[in-house]
């Protein structure tokens, strides 16, 4: 006798299968998920940047707004539902550790059909890292 069972698992985004969407090998819950859940704050500008990328992948608008500097945060954020993020590459960092009050992270975030290259600025507000703004450096041809 053959018993068939129906799978009720929700589909998993490809960026979540091998590890966290941010590109680190840890599973989401042990990586960016703990920041999204509010269990702890990102300890560095790079960790915050990675967690914000993961929030974009997962559509966690609340986290994105909470981690945006109050001075530059938009009133609301409406991500494109058709956007499919496919990977994150950290190109460089400056400052942004536990010993700094500011930091920058340059990254390339790939999506289906292209990539976003940004140099993001971060500051500490009440001890927590927040995203301030970013610039889009020209890519040499």
Protein backbone atom coordinates (compact mmCIF):
# COMPACT_ATOMS: atom_id res chain seq x y z
CA UNK A 1 0.00 0.00 0.00
CA UNK A 2 1.33 3.44 -0.97
CA UNK A 3 0.44 6.41 1.17
CA UNK A 4 0.59 9.81 -0.42
CA UNK A 5 0.93 12.95 1.59
CA UNK A 6 0.31 16.46 0.49
CA UNK A 7 3.07 18.97 1.00
CA UNK A 8 1.84 22.10 2.69
CA UNK A 9 5.21 23.82 2.99
CA UNK A 10 5.31 27.33 1.64
CA UNK A 11 7.79 27.86 -1.19
CA UNK A 12 11.18 29.11 -0.03
CA UNK A 13 12.87 32.01 -1.82
CA UNK A 14 16.10 30.72 -3.46
CA UNK A 15 18.19 33.22 -1.48
CA UNK A 16 16.98 31.55 1.74
CA UNK A 17 17.83 27.95 0.90
CA UNK A 18 21.60 27.97 1.43
CA UNK A 19 21.62 30.46 4.28
CA UNK A 20 20.41 33.91 5.12
CA UNK A 21 19.30 36.13 2.20
CA UNK A 22 22.16 38.51 3.15
CA UNK A 23 24.66 35.97 1.80
CA UNK A 24 26.10 34.69 5.07
CA UNK A 25 25.94 30.92 5.62
CA UNK A 26 23.86 31.02 8.84
CA UNK A 27 20.16 30.30 8.57
CA UNK A 28 17.90 33.35 8.50
CA UNK A 29 16.64 32.97 12.10
CA UNK A 30 20.22 32.89 13.49
CA UNK A 31 21.39 35.70 11.22
CA UNK A 32 19.25 38.65 10.12
CA UNK A 33 16.05 37.15 11.51
CA UNK A 34 17.12 37.92 15.08
CA UNK A 35 17.45 41.61 14.17
CA UNK A 36 14.13 41.64 12.31
CA UNK A 37 12.42 40.07 15.32
CA UNK A 38 13.90 42.70 17.65
CA UNK A 39 15.81 40.12 19.70
CA UNK A 40 18.95 42.23 19.31
CA UNK A 41 20.28 45.21 17.37
CA UNK A 42 22.76 44.88 14.53
CA UNK A 43 26.25 45.32 16.06
CA UNK A 44 27.84 47.08 13.07
CA UNK A 45 26.96 49.16 10.04
CA UNK A 46 27.66 46.17 7.79
CA UNK A 47 25.41 43.89 9.85
CA UNK A 48 22.64 46.49 9.64
CA UNK A 49 23.13 46.83 5.88
CA UNK A 50 22.93 43.06 5.45
CA UNK A 51 19.82 42.88 7.61
CA UNK A 52 18.18 45.67 5.61
CA UNK A 53 18.91 43.80 2.38
CA UNK A 54 17.29 40.70 3.92
CA UNK A 55 14.31 42.84 4.93
CA UNK A 56 13.93 43.96 1.30
CA UNK A 57 14.08 40.31 0.18
CA UNK A 58 11.43 39.33 2.72
CA UNK A 59 9.28 42.46 2.35
CA UNK A 60 9.72 43.53 6.00
CA UNK A 61 8.81 47.21 5.57
CA UNK A 62 8.44 47.73 9.33
CA UNK A 63 12.06 46.80 9.94
CA UNK A 64 13.27 48.99 7.09
CA UNK A 65 11.46 52.01 8.53
CA UNK A 66 12.58 51.29 12.11
CA UNK A 67 16.22 51.16 11.01
CA UNK A 68 16.08 54.36 8.95
CA UNK A 69 17.43 57.55 10.53
CA UNK A 70 14.52 59.72 11.75
CA UNK A 71 16.03 62.72 9.91
CA UNK A 72 15.88 61.01 6.49
CA UNK A 73 13.19 58.32 6.92
CA UNK A 74 10.27 58.53 4.48
CA UNK A 75 6.74 58.55 5.89
CA UNK A 76 6.04 55.25 4.17
CA UNK A 77 7.77 52.77 1.97
CA UNK A 78 6.15 50.80 -0.80
CA UNK A 79 8.52 48.19 -2.25
CA UNK A 80 7.91 46.97 -5.78
CA UNK A 81 6.14 43.59 -5.41
CA UNK A 82 7.66 42.42 -8.71
CA UNK A 83 11.25 43.00 -7.52
CA UNK A 84 13.18 39.75 -7.02
CA UNK A 85 16.45 40.28 -5.18
CA UNK A 86 19.01 37.63 -6.09
CA UNK A 87 22.19 38.41 -4.14
CA UNK A 88 24.29 40.81 -2.12
CA UNK A 89 27.97 41.61 -2.49
CA UNK A 90 29.77 43.83 0.02
CA UNK A 91 32.36 45.86 -1.90
CA UNK A 92 33.85 47.75 1.01
CA UNK A 93 33.32 49.20 4.48
CA UNK A 94 34.73 52.15 6.40
CA UNK A 95 34.32 52.50 10.16
CA UNK A 96 30.93 51.28 11.39
CA UNK A 97 32.16 49.04 14.22
CA UNK A 98 31.31 49.10 17.92
CA UNK A 99 33.99 51.78 18.34
CA UNK A 100 32.51 54.21 15.79
CA UNK A 101 29.50 56.53 15.59
CA UNK A 102 29.36 56.57 11.78
CA UNK A 103 30.17 54.12 9.02
CA UNK A 104 29.80 53.47 5.32
CA UNK A 105 29.13 50.29 3.41
CA UNK A 106 29.50 50.01 -0.35
CA UNK A 107 27.56 47.14 -1.87
CA UNK A 108 26.03 45.67 -4.99
CA UNK A 109 22.55 44.21 -4.61
CA UNK A 110 21.53 42.12 -7.59
CA UNK A 111 17.99 41.65 -8.73
CA UNK A 112 16.45 39.86 -11.65
CA UNK A 113 17.45 42.02 -14.61
CA UNK A 114 20.09 44.25 -13.01
CA UNK A 115 21.94 45.45 -9.94
CA UNK A 116 21.95 48.37 -7.52
CA UNK A 117 25.37 49.78 -6.58
CA UNK A 118 25.24 52.03 -3.52
CA UNK A 119 27.54 53.55 -0.93
CA UNK A 120 25.36 53.79 2.19
CA UNK A 121 25.97 55.98 5.22
CA UNK A 122 25.05 54.84 8.72
CA UNK A 123 24.99 56.54 12.12
CA UNK A 124 24.29 55.49 15.66
CA UNK A 125 21.12 56.88 17.22
CA UNK A 126 20.60 56.08 20.91
CA UNK A 127 23.27 53.40 20.56
CA UNK A 128 21.68 51.61 17.57
CA UNK A 129 22.90 51.68 13.98
CA UNK A 130 20.51 53.29 11.48
CA UNK A 131 20.64 53.91 7.73
CA UNK A 132 21.05 57.61 6.87
CA UNK A 133 21.26 57.77 3.08
CA UNK A 134 23.22 56.56 0.11
CA UNK A 135 24.89 57.66 -3.05
CA UNK A 136 25.19 55.79 -6.29
CA UNK A 137 28.81 55.82 -7.47
CA UNK A 138 29.41 55.74 -11.16
CA UNK A 139 30.65 52.41 -12.40
CA UNK A 140 33.73 52.74 -14.61
CA UNK A 141 33.19 51.45 -18.12
